[in-house]
Amino acid sequence: MADFENSQEIPKIITFLSSLLQRVAETNDVFRHLDSQKISIFHGLTRPTISVNSYLQRIFKYANCSPSCYITAYIYLDRFMKKQPLLPINSFNVHRLLITSVLVSAKYMDDM
């Protein structure tokens, strides 16, 4: 379990990251039918009913990751978006990509 000096920073990081990812997903949803986007194994058949914010708060509650883990997870997602422009983050894959990036980040940042 991570020990944090200032627990007030964690909700701010979660809120910021979830807001940013929600806007990216919604923006890419608008252009989904205009471009020829690929579908990956991360795409769901339907949009999850849980919001990105609620999902990220749940991950935070149960995963006990450090704040740097969430920042690193976003860096991984940003790199993914740049390397795979035909697989943009949207409402059908944001949750799966988010949990994957947090998991990889936790393994790199928090595992001993």
Protein backbone atom coordinates (compact mmCIF):
# COMPACT_ATOMS: atom_id res chain seq x y z
CA MET A 1 0.00 0.00 0.00
CA ALA A 2 1.40 3.37 -0.99
CA ASP A 3 2.01 5.99 1.69
CA PHE A 4 1.19 9.53 0.58
CA GLU A 5 2.24 12.73 2.31
CA ASN A 6 -0.63 14.75 0.88
CA SER A 7 -3.74 12.69 0.18
CA GLN A 8 -5.51 15.75 -1.30
CA GLU A 9 -3.33 15.57 -4.43
CA ILE A 10 -4.64 12.16 -5.44
CA PRO A 11 -8.23 13.22 -6.25
CA LYS A 12 -6.89 16.16 -8.25
CA ILE A 13 -4.73 13.86 -10.35
CA ILE A 14 -7.61 11.44 -10.84
CA THR A 15 -10.03 14.26 -11.73
CA PHE A 16 -7.60 15.87 -14.15
CA LEU A 17 -6.69 12.62 -15.89
CA SER A 18 -10.29 11.44 -16.17
CA SER A 19 -11.44 14.79 -17.54
CA LEU A 20 -8.66 14.80 -20.12
CA LEU A 21 -9.34 11.23 -21.25
CA GLN A 22 -13.10 11.85 -21.38
CA ARG A 23 -12.58 14.84 -23.68
CA VAL A 24 -10.19 12.89 -25.91
CA ALA A 25 -12.65 9.99 -26.17
CA GLU A 26 -15.62 12.26 -26.93
CA THR A 27 -13.64 14.19 -29.55
CA ASN A 28 -12.58 10.97 -31.27
CA ASP A 29 -16.16 9.65 -31.11
CA VAL A 30 -17.26 12.58 -33.29
CA PHE A 31 -14.70 11.71 -35.96
CA ARG A 32 -15.14 7.95 -35.64
CA HIS A 33 -17.35 7.56 -38.70
CA LEU A 34 -15.54 10.14 -40.81
CA ASP A 35 -12.15 8.42 -40.83
CA SER A 36 -11.25 4.87 -41.62
CA GLN A 37 -10.27 3.88 -38.10
CA LYS A 38 -9.13 0.40 -37.21
CA ILE A 39 -10.74 -1.65 -34.49
CA SER A 40 -8.44 -3.35 -32.00
CA ILE A 41 -8.83 -5.96 -29.30
CA PHE A 42 -9.32 -3.07 -26.86
CA HIS A 43 -12.61 -2.03 -28.48
CA GLY A 44 -15.80 -3.09 -26.77
CA LEU A 45 -19.05 -3.76 -28.60
CA THR A 46 -20.82 -1.12 -26.51
CA ARG A 47 -19.79 1.86 -24.43
CA PRO A 48 -19.30 0.99 -20.75
CA THR A 49 -21.96 2.44 -18.47
CA ILE A 50 -19.40 3.63 -15.91
CA SER A 51 -17.87 7.06 -16.55
CA VAL A 52 -14.13 7.46 -17.01
CA ASN A 53 -14.00 9.44 -13.76
CA SER A 54 -15.83 6.75 -11.76
CA TYR A 55 -13.69 4.04 -13.34
CA LEU A 56 -10.45 5.84 -12.51
CA GLN A 57 -11.64 6.49 -8.95
CA ARG A 58 -12.40 2.78 -8.59
CA ILE A 59 -8.94 1.88 -9.88
CA PHE A 60 -7.44 4.35 -7.41
CA LYS A 61 -9.48 2.92 -4.54
CA TYR A 62 -8.53 -0.72 -5.11
CA ALA A 63 -5.13 -0.63 -6.85
CA ASN A 64 -3.22 1.45 -4.26
CA CYS A 65 -0.97 2.91 -6.95
CA SER A 66 1.24 5.91 -6.32
CA PRO A 67 0.34 9.26 -7.91
CA SER A 68 3.29 8.93 -10.27
CA CYS A 69 1.75 5.72 -11.57
CA TYR A 70 -1.24 7.63 -12.99
CA ILE A 71 0.99 10.23 -14.60
CA THR A 72 3.11 7.50 -16.17
CA ALA A 73 -0.06 5.72 -17.33
CA TYR A 74 -1.12 8.88 -19.16
CA ILE A 75 2.34 9.16 -20.75
CA TYR A 76 1.90 5.59 -22.02
CA LEU A 77 -1.51 6.48 -23.46
CA ASP A 78 -0.09 9.60 -25.09
CA ARG A 79 2.70 7.57 -26.70
CA PHE A 80 0.14 5.02 -27.87
CA MET A 81 -1.93 7.76 -29.52
CA LYS A 82 1.12 9.12 -31.33
CA LYS A 83 2.34 5.72 -32.54
CA GLN A 84 -1.11 4.41 -33.52
CA PRO A 85 -3.01 7.31 -35.12
CA LEU A 86 -5.48 4.91 -36.75
CA LEU A 87 -6.43 3.52 -33.32
CA PRO A 88 -7.58 6.63 -31.45
CA ILE A 89 -8.84 6.54 -27.89
CA ASN A 90 -12.65 6.67 -27.93
CA SER A 91 -15.58 5.69 -25.72
CA PHE A 92 -15.37 2.07 -26.84
CA ASN A 93 -11.76 1.52 -25.77
CA VAL A 94 -10.82 4.18 -23.19
CA HIS A 95 -11.60 2.01 -20.16
CA ARG A 96 -9.62 -0.97 -21.41
CA LEU A 97 -6.67 1.16 -22.47
CA LEU A 98 -6.76 2.99 -19.15
CA ILE A 99 -6.65 -0.15 -16.99
CA THR A 100 -3.90 -1.59 -19.17
CA SER A 101 -1.77 1.55 -18.94
CA VAL A 102 -2.27 1.77 -15.16
CA LEU A 103 -1.32 -1.89 -14.77
CA VAL A 104 1.85 -1.53 -16.84
CA SER A 105 2.71 1.70 -15.04
CA ALA A 106 2.18 0.10 -11.62
CA LYS A 107 4.43 -2.79 -12.58
CA TYR A 108 7.15 -0.34 -13.65
CA MET A 109 6.72 2.32 -10.94
CA ASP A 110 5.46 0.54 -7.83
CA ASP A 111 6.62 -3.10 -7.93
CA MET A 112 9.71 -4.02 -5.99
